[in-house]
Amino acid sequence: MIQLISDVLDQASDAPNQGQASAHISLPVDAAIQDRAFRNRGGEWLNSHTRNEPTDPLRMKAALATIQKDNPQYSLCGEYGDHLKAVVEAFVTAAKICWLDRHTG
């Protein structure tokens, strides 16, 4: 979160102000600058977290075996990275819906 705020402020200080680069940051930071910083950071996060294995594969397999003792039909669907991506995409969809509700009345 700190890096995200730093990105917003860095981009705001680089924004042109009447044809010149401004060392001053106007508050609130322009929504377009915030949006660009959030999208860039979100894309970087998504790329860094797209993976096909959990952080601790042995622990994941042990937990799956424990669940399957109670429910032998239980199985994972798809790859682990697909699951993480689906979670992030669900948050993106929810954020877009909230934004549209807020800005279209």
PDB file of N, CA and C in Angstrom:
ATOM      1  N   MET A   1       0.821  -1.182   0.000  1.00  0.00           N
ATOM      2  CA  MET A   1       0.000   0.000   0.000  1.00  0.00           C
ATOM      3  C   MET A   1       0.871   1.253   0.000  1.00  0.00           C
ATOM      4  N   ILE A   2       1.952   1.214   0.740  1.00  0.00           N
ATOM      5  CA  ILE A   2       2.836   2.376   0.785  1.00  0.00           C
ATOM      6  C   ILE A   2       3.422   2.629  -0.597  1.00  0.00           C
ATOM      7  N   GLN A   3       3.812   1.557  -1.296  1.00  0.00           N
ATOM      8  CA  GLN A   3       4.366   1.712  -2.636  1.00  0.00           C
ATOM      9  C   GLN A   3       3.310   2.273  -3.591  1.00  0.00           C
ATOM     10  N   LEU A   4       2.072   1.865  -3.427  1.00  0.00           N
ATOM     11  CA  LEU A   4       0.984   2.364  -4.274  1.00  0.00           C
ATOM     12  C   LEU A   4       0.818   3.870  -4.081  1.00  0.00           C
ATOM     13  N   ILE A   5       0.781   4.328  -2.846  1.00  0.00           N
ATOM     14  CA  ILE A   5       0.651   5.765  -2.569  1.00  0.00           C
ATOM     15  C   ILE A   5       1.865   6.515  -3.100  1.00  0.00           C
ATOM     16  N   SER A   6       3.041   5.922  -2.938  1.00  0.00           N
ATOM     17  CA  SER A   6       4.255   6.532  -3.470  1.00  0.00           C
ATOM     18  C   SER A   6       4.171   6.678  -4.989  1.00  0.00           C
ATOM     19  N   ASP A   7       3.649   5.653  -5.673  1.00  0.00           N
ATOM     20  CA  ASP A   7       3.476   5.721  -7.132  1.00  0.00           C
ATOM     21  C   ASP A   7       2.540   6.864  -7.521  1.00  0.00           C
ATOM     22  N   VAL A   8       1.435   6.996  -6.791  1.00  0.00           N
ATOM     23  CA  VAL A   8       0.474   8.074  -7.087  1.00  0.00           C
ATOM     24  C   VAL A   8       1.148   9.433  -6.930  1.00  0.00           C
ATOM     25  N   LEU A   9       1.865   9.618  -5.829  1.00  0.00           N
ATOM     26  CA  LEU A   9       2.516  10.910  -5.590  1.00  0.00           C
ATOM     27  C   LEU A   9       3.627  11.182  -6.597  1.00  0.00           C
ATOM     28  N   ASP A  10       4.388  10.146  -6.947  1.00  0.00           N
ATOM     29  CA  ASP A  10       5.436  10.315  -7.960  1.00  0.00           C
ATOM     30  C   ASP A  10       4.841  10.742  -9.292  1.00  0.00           C
ATOM     31  N   GLN A  11       3.763  10.083  -9.700  1.00  0.00           N
ATOM     32  CA  GLN A  11       3.137  10.428 -10.974  1.00  0.00           C
ATOM     33  C   GLN A  11       2.485  11.802 -10.915  1.00  0.00           C
ATOM     34  N   ALA A  12       1.935  12.165  -9.760  1.00  0.00           N
ATOM     35  CA  ALA A  12       1.322  13.486  -9.617  1.00  0.00           C
ATOM     36  C   ALA A  12       2.381  14.581  -9.701  1.00  0.00           C
ATOM     37  N   SER A  13       3.569  14.336  -9.147  1.00  0.00           N
ATOM     38  CA  SER A  13       4.620  15.350  -9.207  1.00  0.00           C
ATOM     39  C   SER A  13       5.229  15.445 -10.590  1.00  0.00           C
ATOM     40  N   ASP A  14       5.090  14.396 -11.396  1.00  0.00           N
ATOM     41  CA  ASP A  14       5.589  14.420 -12.763  1.00  0.00           C
ATOM     42  C   ASP A  14       4.573  14.993 -13.743  1.00  0.00           C
ATOM     43  N   ALA A  15       3.350  15.214 -13.291  1.00  0.00           N
ATOM     44  CA  ALA A  15       2.290  15.689 -14.181  1.00  0.00           C
ATOM     45  C   ALA A  15       2.591  17.106 -14.641  1.00  0.00           C
ATOM     46  N   PRO A  16       2.311  17.394 -15.909  1.00  0.00           N
ATOM     47  CA  PRO A  16       2.543  18.757 -16.400  1.00  0.00           C
ATOM     48  C   PRO A  16       1.586  19.751 -15.732  1.00  0.00           C
ATOM     49  N   ASN A  17       2.122  20.897 -15.390  1.00  0.00           N
ATOM     50  CA  ASN A  17       1.321  21.961 -14.793  1.00  0.00           C
ATOM     51  C   ASN A  17       1.532  23.207 -15.629  1.00  0.00           C
ATOM     52  N   GLN A  18       0.568  23.520 -16.473  1.00  0.00           N
ATOM     53  CA  GLN A  18       0.637  24.662 -17.384  1.00  0.00           C
ATOM     54  C   GLN A  18       1.885  24.577 -18.253  1.00  0.00           C
ATOM     55  N   GLY A  19       2.142  23.402 -18.831  1.00  0.00           N
ATOM     56  CA  GLY A  19       3.248  23.234 -19.766  1.00  0.00           C
ATOM     57  C   GLY A  19       4.587  22.947 -19.126  1.00  0.00           C
ATOM     58  N   GLN A  20       4.683  22.938 -17.800  1.00  0.00           N
ATOM     59  CA  GLN A  20       5.954  22.663 -17.135  1.00  0.00           C
ATOM     60  C   GLN A  20       5.777  21.523 -16.144  1.00  0.00           C
ATOM     61  N   ALA A  21       6.852  20.793 -15.922  1.00  0.00           N
ATOM     62  CA  ALA A  21       6.810  19.759 -14.889  1.00  0.00           C
ATOM     63  C   ALA A  21       6.684  20.455 -13.538  1.00  0.00           C
ATOM     64  N   SER A  22       5.806  19.970 -12.717  1.00  0.00           N
ATOM     65  CA  SER A  22       5.540  20.610 -11.438  1.00  0.00           C
ATOM     66  C   SER A  22       6.232  19.879 -10.305  1.00  0.00           C
ATOM     67  N   ALA A  23       6.873  20.624  -9.430  1.00  0.00           N
ATOM     68  CA  ALA A  23       7.442  20.046  -8.227  1.00  0.00           C
ATOM     69  C   ALA A  23       6.392  20.065  -7.118  1.00  0.00           C
ATOM     70  N   HIS A  24       5.292  20.731  -7.366  1.00  0.00           N
ATOM     71  CA  HIS A  24       4.197  20.846  -6.401  1.00  0.00           C
ATOM     72  C   HIS A  24       3.120  19.829  -6.742  1.00  0.00           C
ATOM     73  N   ILE A  25       2.514  19.241  -5.722  1.00  0.00           N
ATOM     74  CA  ILE A  25       1.450  18.261  -5.933  1.00  0.00           C
ATOM     75  C   ILE A  25       0.139  18.889  -5.503  1.00  0.00           C
ATOM     76  N   SER A  26      -0.804  18.958  -6.433  1.00  0.00           N
ATOM     77  CA  SER A  26      -2.131  19.482  -6.109  1.00  0.00           C
ATOM     78  C   SER A  26      -2.967  18.368  -5.511  1.00  0.00           C
ATOM     79  N   LEU A  27      -3.625  18.700  -4.405  1.00  0.00           N
ATOM     80  CA  LEU A  27      -4.499  17.725  -3.762  1.00  0.00           C
ATOM     81  C   LEU A  27      -5.946  18.151  -3.941  1.00  0.00           C
ATOM     82  N   PRO A  28      -6.846  17.248  -4.165  1.00  0.00           N
ATOM     83  CA  PRO A  28      -6.608  15.818  -4.337  1.00  0.00           C
ATOM     84  C   PRO A  28      -5.926  15.550  -5.677  1.00  0.00           C
ATOM     85  N   VAL A  29      -5.178  14.474  -5.732  1.00  0.00           N
ATOM     86  CA  VAL A  29      -4.495  14.074  -6.964  1.00  0.00           C
ATOM     87  C   VAL A  29      -5.563  13.733  -8.007  1.00  0.00           C
ATOM     88  N   ASP A  30      -5.337  14.184  -9.222  1.00  0.00           N
ATOM     89  CA  ASP A  30      -6.282  13.964 -10.316  1.00  0.00           C
ATOM     90  C   ASP A  30      -6.670  12.484 -10.420  1.00  0.00           C
ATOM     91  N   ALA A  31      -7.956  12.240 -10.633  1.00  0.00           N
ATOM     92  CA  ALA A  31      -8.475  10.868 -10.685  1.00  0.00           C
ATOM     93  C   ALA A  31      -7.804  10.046 -11.777  1.00  0.00           C
ATOM     94  N   ALA A  32      -7.491  10.663 -12.911  1.00  0.00           N
ATOM     95  CA  ALA A  32      -6.846   9.924 -14.008  1.00  0.00           C
ATOM     96  C   ALA A  32      -5.447   9.464 -13.603  1.00  0.00           C
ATOM     97  N   ILE A  33      -4.734  10.289 -12.851  1.00  0.00           N
ATOM     98  CA  ILE A  33      -3.392   9.912 -12.374  1.00  0.00           C
ATOM     99  C   ILE A  33      -3.507   8.774 -11.369  1.00  0.00           C
ATOM    100  N   GLN A  34      -4.464   8.869 -10.441  1.00  0.00           N
ATOM    101  CA  GLN A  34      -4.671   7.796  -9.477  1.00  0.00           C
ATOM    102  C   GLN A  34      -5.032   6.496 -10.182  1.00  0.00           C
ATOM    103  N   ASP A  35      -5.942   6.582 -11.142  1.00  0.00           N
ATOM    104  CA  ASP A  35      -6.383   5.390 -11.867  1.00  0.00           C
ATOM    105  C   ASP A  35      -5.213   4.721 -12.575  1.00  0.00           C
ATOM    106  N   ARG A  36      -4.376   5.523 -13.244  1.00  0.00           N
ATOM    107  CA  ARG A  36      -3.221   4.965 -13.961  1.00  0.00           C
ATOM    108  C   ARG A  36      -2.256   4.283 -12.997  1.00  0.00           C
ATOM    109  N   ALA A  37      -1.997   4.917 -11.851  1.00  0.00           N
ATOM    110  CA  ALA A  37      -1.080   4.327 -10.858  1.00  0.00           C
ATOM    111  C   ALA A  37      -1.656   3.025 -10.310  1.00  0.00           C
ATOM    112  N   PHE A  38      -2.954   3.015 -10.010  1.00  0.00           N
ATOM    113  CA  PHE A  38      -3.590   1.805  -9.475  1.00  0.00           C
ATOM    114  C   PHE A  38      -3.562   0.682 -10.502  1.00  0.00           C
ATOM    115  N   ARG A  39      -3.858   1.014 -11.756  1.00  0.00           N
ATOM    116  CA  ARG A  39      -3.859  -0.012 -12.805  1.00  0.00           C
ATOM    117  C   ARG A  39      -2.461  -0.573 -13.020  1.00  0.00           C
ATOM    118  N   ASN A  40      -1.464   0.306 -13.061  1.00  0.00           N
ATOM    119  CA  ASN A  40      -0.082  -0.155 -13.264  1.00  0.00           C
ATOM    120  C   ASN A  40       0.363  -1.060 -12.125  1.00  0.00           C
ATOM    121  N   ARG A  41       0.108  -0.625 -10.893  1.00  0.00           N
ATOM    122  CA  ARG A  41       0.527  -1.422  -9.734  1.00  0.00           C
ATOM    123  C   ARG A  41      -0.252  -2.734  -9.681  1.00  0.00           C
ATOM    124  N   GLY A  42      -1.547  -2.681  -9.993  1.00  0.00           N
ATOM    125  CA  GLY A  42      -2.362  -3.897 -10.005  1.00  0.00           C
ATOM    126  C   GLY A  42      -1.874  -4.883 -11.044  1.00  0.00           C
ATOM    127  N   GLY A  43      -1.512  -4.383 -12.220  1.00  0.00           N
ATOM    128  CA  GLY A  43      -0.977  -5.256 -13.262  1.00  0.00           C
ATOM    129  C   GLY A  43       0.334  -5.900 -12.848  1.00  0.00           C
ATOM    130  N   GLU A  44       1.187  -5.114 -12.206  1.00  0.00           N
ATOM    131  CA  GLU A  44       2.456  -5.670 -11.718  1.00  0.00           C
ATOM    132  C   GLU A  44       2.204  -6.741 -10.662  1.00  0.00           C
ATOM    133  N   TRP A  45       1.250  -6.475  -9.763  1.00  0.00           N
ATOM    134  CA  TRP A  45       0.931  -7.448  -8.719  1.00  0.00           C
ATOM    135  C   TRP A  45       0.384  -8.728  -9.329  1.00  0.00           C
ATOM    136  N   LEU A  46      -0.529  -8.588 -10.276  1.00  0.00           N
ATOM    137  CA  LEU A  46      -1.119  -9.763 -10.897  1.00  0.00           C
ATOM    138  C   LEU A  46      -0.056 -10.595 -11.610  1.00  0.00           C
ATOM    139  N   ASN A  47       0.827  -9.929 -12.340  1.00  0.00           N
ATOM    140  CA  ASN A  47       1.897 -10.659 -13.028  1.00  0.00           C
ATOM    141  C   ASN A  47       2.817 -11.370 -12.052  1.00  0.00           C
ATOM    142  N   SER A  48       3.087 -10.734 -10.921  1.00  0.00           N
ATOM    143  CA  SER A  48       3.995 -11.358  -9.956  1.00  0.00           C
ATOM    144  C   SER A  48       3.338 -12.495  -9.189  1.00  0.00           C
ATOM    145  N   HIS A  49       2.002 -12.548  -9.180  1.00  0.00           N
ATOM    146  CA  HIS A  49       1.297 -13.574  -8.419  1.00  0.00           C
ATOM    147  C   HIS A  49       0.658 -14.648  -9.293  1.00  0.00           C
ATOM    148  N   THR A  50       0.873 -14.560 -10.580  1.00  0.00           N
ATOM    149  CA  THR A  50       0.355 -15.600 -11.452  1.00  0.00           C
ATOM    150  C   THR A  50       1.333 -16.758 -11.382  1.00  0.00           C
ATOM    151  N   ARG A  51       0.893 -17.796 -10.756  1.00  0.00           N
ATOM    152  CA  ARG A  51       1.754 -18.948 -10.560  1.00  0.00           C
ATOM    153  C   ARG A  51       0.898 -20.193 -10.562  1.00  0.00           C
ATOM    154  N   ASN A  52       1.505 -21.309 -10.761  1.00  0.00           N
ATOM    155  CA  ASN A  52       0.758 -22.553 -10.834  1.00  0.00           C
ATOM    156  C   ASN A  52       0.965 -23.456  -9.634  1.00  0.00           C
ATOM    157  N   GLU A  53       1.599 -22.935  -8.600  1.00  0.00           N
ATOM    158  CA  GLU A  53       1.790 -23.718  -7.383  1.00  0.00           C
ATOM    159  C   GLU A  53       1.577 -22.825  -6.179  1.00  0.00           C
ATOM    160  N   PRO A  54       1.031 -23.369  -5.108  1.00  0.00           N
ATOM    161  CA  PRO A  54       0.932 -22.582  -3.872  1.00  0.00           C
ATOM    162  C   PRO A  54       2.332 -22.312  -3.316  1.00  0.00           C
ATOM    163  N   THR A  55       2.422 -21.375  -2.410  1.00  0.00           N
ATOM    164  CA  THR A  55       3.706 -21.039  -1.796  1.00  0.00           C
ATOM    165  C   THR A  55       4.321 -22.241  -1.098  1.00  0.00           C
ATOM    166  N   ASP A  56       3.486 -23.041  -0.449  1.00  0.00           N
ATOM    167  CA  ASP A  56       3.957 -24.228   0.262  1.00  0.00           C
ATOM    168  C   ASP A  56       3.210 -25.449  -0.289  1.00  0.00           C
ATOM    169  N   PRO A  57       3.700 -26.050  -1.404  1.00  0.00           N
ATOM    170  CA  PRO A  57       2.996 -27.157  -2.052  1.00  0.00           C
ATOM    171  C   PRO A  57       2.752 -28.353  -1.133  1.00  0.00           C
ATOM    172  N   LEU A  58       3.694 -28.676  -0.251  1.00  0.00           N
ATOM    173  CA  LEU A  58       3.512 -29.824   0.643  1.00  0.00           C
ATOM    174  C   LEU A  58       2.366 -29.579   1.629  1.00  0.00           C
ATOM    175  N   ARG A  59       2.301 -28.379   2.144  1.00  0.00           N
ATOM    176  CA  ARG A  59       1.214 -28.040   3.076  1.00  0.00           C
ATOM    177  C   ARG A  59      -0.135 -28.084   2.363  1.00  0.00           C
ATOM    178  N   MET A  60      -0.168 -27.609   1.134  1.00  0.00           N
ATOM    179  CA  MET A  60      -1.400 -27.630   0.344  1.00  0.00           C
ATOM    180  C   MET A  60      -1.858 -29.071   0.102  1.00  0.00           C
ATOM    181  N   LYS A  61      -0.923 -29.945  -0.265  1.00  0.00           N
ATOM    182  CA  LYS A  61      -1.261 -31.353  -0.511  1.00  0.00           C
ATOM    183  C   LYS A  61      -1.746 -32.033   0.759  1.00  0.00           C
ATOM    184  N   ALA A  62      -1.133 -31.708   1.892  1.00  0.00           N
ATOM    185  CA  ALA A  62      -1.553 -32.288   3.170  1.00  0.00           C
ATOM    186  C   ALA A  62      -2.967 -31.820   3.538  1.00  0.00           C
ATOM    187  N   ALA A  63      -3.233 -30.541   3.309  1.00  0.00           N
ATOM    188  CA  ALA A  63      -4.569 -30.018   3.603  1.00  0.00           C
ATOM    189  C   ALA A  63      -5.610 -30.660   2.689  1.00  0.00           C
ATOM    190  N   LEU A  64      -5.269 -30.843   1.433  1.00  0.00           N
ATOM    191  CA  LEU A  64      -6.184 -31.488   0.482  1.00  0.00           C
ATOM    192  C   LEU A  64      -6.463 -32.927   0.913  1.00  0.00           C
ATOM    193  N   ALA A  65      -5.437 -33.638   1.347  1.00  0.00           N
ATOM    194  CA  ALA A  65      -5.620 -35.021   1.804  1.00  0.00           C
ATOM    195  C   ALA A  65      -6.534 -35.074   3.023  1.00  0.00           C
ATOM    196  N   THR A  66      -6.394 -34.099   3.924  1.00  0.00           N
ATOM    197  CA  THR A  66      -7.246 -34.044   5.112  1.00  0.00           C
ATOM    198  C   THR A  66      -8.708 -33.831   4.713  1.00  0.00           C
ATOM    199  N   ILE A  67      -8.942 -32.927   3.792  1.00  0.00           N
ATOM    200  CA  ILE A  67     -10.311 -32.666   3.324  1.00  0.00           C
ATOM    201  C   ILE A  67     -10.883 -33.901   2.637  1.00  0.00           C
ATOM    202  N   GLN A  68     -10.055 -34.586   1.850  1.00  0.00           N
ATOM    203  CA  GLN A  68     -10.527 -35.754   1.107  1.00  0.00           C
ATOM    204  C   GLN A  68     -10.823 -36.946   2.002  1.00  0.00           C
ATOM    205  N   LYS A  69     -10.294 -36.959   3.231  1.00  0.00           N
ATOM    206  CA  LYS A  69     -10.651 -38.024   4.178  1.00  0.00           C
ATOM    207  C   LYS A  69     -12.132 -37.938   4.521  1.00  0.00           C
ATOM    208  N   ASP A  70     -12.625 -36.699   4.718  1.00  0.00           N
ATOM    209  CA  ASP A  70     -14.036 -36.484   5.045  1.00  0.00           C
ATOM    210  C   ASP A  70     -14.926 -36.516   3.808  1.00  0.00           C
ATOM    211  N   ASN A  71     -14.380 -36.111   2.684  1.00  0.00           N
ATOM    212  CA  ASN A  71     -15.154 -36.026   1.444  1.00  0.00           C
ATOM    213  C   ASN A  71     -14.296 -36.551   0.294  1.00  0.00           C
ATOM    214  N   PRO A  72     -14.316 -37.850   0.029  1.00  0.00           N
ATOM    215  CA  PRO A  72     -13.449 -38.448  -0.994  1.00  0.00           C
ATOM    216  C   PRO A  72     -13.669 -37.891  -2.405  1.00  0.00           C
ATOM    217  N   GLN A  73     -14.847 -37.323  -2.672  1.00  0.00           N
ATOM    218  CA  GLN A  73     -15.123 -36.764  -4.004  1.00  0.00           C
ATOM    219  C   GLN A  73     -14.534 -35.363  -4.190  1.00  0.00           C
ATOM    220  N   TYR A  74     -14.058 -34.762  -3.111  1.00  0.00           N
ATOM    221  CA  TYR A  74     -13.538 -33.391  -3.196  1.00  0.00           C
ATOM    222  C   TYR A  74     -12.268 -33.373  -4.044  1.00  0.00           C
ATOM    223  N   SER A  75     -12.207 -32.415  -4.982  1.00  0.00           N
ATOM    224  CA  SER A  75     -10.996 -32.245  -5.783  1.00  0.00           C
ATOM    225  C   SER A  75     -10.857 -30.780  -6.173  1.00  0.00           C
ATOM    226  N   LEU A  76      -9.655 -30.405  -6.497  1.00  0.00           N
ATOM    227  CA  LEU A  76      -9.396 -29.052  -6.970  1.00  0.00           C
ATOM    228  C   LEU A  76      -9.737 -28.971  -8.451  1.00  0.00           C
ATOM    229  N   CYS A  77     -10.239 -27.834  -8.865  1.00  0.00           N
ATOM    230  CA  CYS A  77     -10.576 -27.628 -10.282  1.00  0.00           C
ATOM    231  C   CYS A  77      -9.592 -26.631 -10.871  1.00  0.00           C
ATOM    232  N   GLY A  78      -8.960 -26.973 -11.954  1.00  0.00           N
ATOM    233  CA  GLY A  78      -8.031 -26.052 -12.614  1.00  0.00           C
ATOM    234  C   GLY A  78      -6.698 -25.970 -11.898  1.00  0.00           C
ATOM    235  N   GLU A  79      -5.881 -25.063 -12.363  1.00  0.00           N
ATOM    236  CA  GLU A  79      -4.555 -24.843 -11.790  1.00  0.00           C
ATOM    237  C   GLU A  79      -4.634 -23.818 -10.667  1.00  0.00           C
ATOM    238  N   TYR A  80      -3.674 -23.849  -9.785  1.00  0.00           N
ATOM    239  CA  TYR A  80      -3.628 -22.931  -8.651  1.00  0.00           C
ATOM    240  C   TYR A  80      -3.555 -21.480  -9.131  1.00  0.00           C
ATOM    241  N   GLY A  81      -2.735 -21.207 -10.130  1.00  0.00           N
ATOM    242  CA  GLY A  81      -2.607 -19.856 -10.677  1.00  0.00           C
ATOM    243  C   GLY A  81      -3.915 -19.362 -11.267  1.00  0.00           C
ATOM    244  N   ASP A  82      -4.675 -20.266 -11.897  1.00  0.00           N
ATOM    245  CA  ASP A  82      -5.978 -19.892 -12.442  1.00  0.00           C
ATOM    246  C   ASP A  82      -6.904 -19.427 -11.328  1.00  0.00           C
ATOM    247  N   HIS A  83      -6.830 -20.108 -10.188  1.00  0.00           N
ATOM    248  CA  HIS A  83      -7.659 -19.740  -9.038  1.00  0.00           C
ATOM    249  C   HIS A  83      -7.303 -18.340  -8.533  1.00  0.00           C
ATOM    250  N   LEU A  84      -6.014 -18.056  -8.362  1.00  0.00           N
ATOM    251  CA  LEU A  84      -5.599 -16.731  -7.911  1.00  0.00           C
ATOM    252  C   LEU A  84      -6.052 -15.649  -8.881  1.00  0.00           C
ATOM    253  N   LYS A  85      -5.894 -15.921 -10.169  1.00  0.00           N
ATOM    254  CA  LYS A  85      -6.299 -14.952 -11.181  1.00  0.00           C
ATOM    255  C   LYS A  85      -7.804 -14.721 -11.130  1.00  0.00           C
ATOM    256  N   ALA A  86      -8.574 -15.771 -10.932  1.00  0.00           N
ATOM    257  CA  ALA A  86     -10.035 -15.633 -10.848  1.00  0.00           C
ATOM    258  C   ALA A  86     -10.436 -14.777  -9.650  1.00  0.00           C
ATOM    259  N   VAL A  87      -9.735 -14.930  -8.531  1.00  0.00           N
ATOM    260  CA  VAL A  87     -10.034 -14.123  -7.346  1.00  0.00           C
ATOM    261  C   VAL A  87      -9.774 -12.647  -7.641  1.00  0.00           C
ATOM    262  N   VAL A  88      -8.631 -12.349  -8.244  1.00  0.00           N
ATOM    263  CA  VAL A  88      -8.292 -10.963  -8.568  1.00  0.00           C
ATOM    264  C   VAL A  88      -9.303 -10.390  -9.562  1.00  0.00           C
ATOM    265  N   GLU A  89      -9.660 -11.166 -10.578  1.00  0.00           N
ATOM    266  CA  GLU A  89     -10.618 -10.685 -11.574  1.00  0.00           C
ATOM    267  C   GLU A  89     -11.990 -10.431 -10.952  1.00  0.00           C
ATOM    268  N   ALA A  90     -12.371 -11.213  -9.947  1.00  0.00           N
ATOM    269  CA  ALA A  90     -13.643 -10.979  -9.250  1.00  0.00           C
ATOM    270  C   ALA A  90     -13.603  -9.643  -8.511  1.00  0.00           C
ATOM    271  N   PHE A  91     -12.468  -9.329  -7.888  1.00  0.00           N
ATOM    272  CA  PHE A  91     -12.341  -8.038  -7.227  1.00  0.00           C
ATOM    273  C   PHE A  91     -12.391  -6.894  -8.235  1.00  0.00           C
ATOM    274  N   VAL A  92     -11.758  -7.069  -9.388  1.00  0.00           N
ATOM    275  CA  VAL A  92     -11.790  -6.042 -10.437  1.00  0.00           C
ATOM    276  C   VAL A  92     -13.230  -5.800 -10.882  1.00  0.00           C
ATOM    277  N   THR A  93     -13.974  -6.872 -11.109  1.00  0.00           N
ATOM    278  CA  THR A  93     -15.367  -6.747 -11.534  1.00  0.00           C
ATOM    279  C   THR A  93     -16.184  -6.012 -10.481  1.00  0.00           C
ATOM    280  N   ALA A  94     -16.008  -6.386  -9.220  1.00  0.00           N
ATOM    281  CA  ALA A  94     -16.745  -5.723  -8.139  1.00  0.00           C
ATOM    282  C   ALA A  94     -16.387  -4.241  -8.058  1.00  0.00           C
ATOM    283  N   ALA A  95     -15.112  -3.910  -8.211  1.00  0.00           N
ATOM    284  CA  ALA A  95     -14.687  -2.509  -8.162  1.00  0.00           C
ATOM    285  C   ALA A  95     -15.286  -1.715  -9.320  1.00  0.00           C
ATOM    286  N   LYS A  96     -15.331  -2.321 -10.502  1.00  0.00           N
ATOM    287  CA  LYS A  96     -15.921  -1.632 -11.653  1.00  0.00           C
ATOM    288  C   LYS A  96     -17.406  -1.369 -11.427  1.00  0.00           C
ATOM    289  N   ILE A  97     -18.105  -2.347 -10.876  1.00  0.00           N
ATOM    290  CA  ILE A  97     -19.537  -2.182 -10.606  1.00  0.00           C
ATOM    291  C   ILE A  97     -19.751  -1.055  -9.596  1.00  0.00           C
ATOM    292  N   CYS A  98     -18.948  -1.036  -8.526  1.00  0.00           N
ATOM    293  CA  CYS A  98     -19.058   0.027  -7.525  1.00  0.00           C
ATOM    294  C   CYS A  98     -18.771   1.381  -8.146  1.00  0.00           C
ATOM    295  N   TRP A  99     -17.739   1.453  -8.985  1.00  0.00           N
ATOM    296  CA  TRP A  99     -17.374   2.714  -9.632  1.00  0.00           C
ATOM    297  C   TRP A  99     -18.511   3.174 -10.531  1.00  0.00           C
ATOM    298  N   LEU A 100     -19.082   2.262 -11.324  1.00  0.00           N
ATOM    299  CA  LEU A 100     -20.174   2.634 -12.209  1.00  0.00           C
ATOM    300  C   LEU A 100     -21.389   3.108 -11.420  1.00  0.00           C
ATOM    301  N   ASP A 101     -21.717   2.414 -10.343  1.00  0.00           N
ATOM    302  CA  ASP A 101     -22.849   2.819  -9.506  1.00  0.00           C
ATOM    303  C   ASP A 101     -22.630   4.220  -8.946  1.00  0.00           C
ATOM    304  N   ARG A 102     -21.410   4.488  -8.532  1.00  0.00           N
ATOM    305  CA  ARG A 102     -21.098   5.773  -7.924  1.00  0.00           C
ATOM    306  C   ARG A 102     -21.107   6.914  -8.935  1.00  0.00           C
ATOM    307  N   HIS A 103     -20.681   6.635 -10.190  1.00  0.00           N
ATOM    308  CA  HIS A 103     -20.521   7.693 -11.175  1.00  0.00           C
ATOM    309  C   HIS A 103     -21.654   7.795 -12.186  1.00  0.00           C
ATOM    310  N   THR A 104     -22.571   6.852 -12.198  1.00  0.00           N
ATOM    311  CA  THR A 104     -23.692   6.937 -13.154  1.00  0.00           C
ATOM    312  C   THR A 104     -25.018   7.132 -12.439  1.00  0.00           C
ATOM    313  N   GLY A 105     -24.936   7.168 -11.135  1.00  0.00           N
ATOM    314  CA  GLY A 105     -26.086   7.509 -10.325  1.00  0.00           C
ATOM    315  C   GLY A 105     -27.107   6.470 -10.211  1.00  0.00           C
TER     316      GLY A 105
END
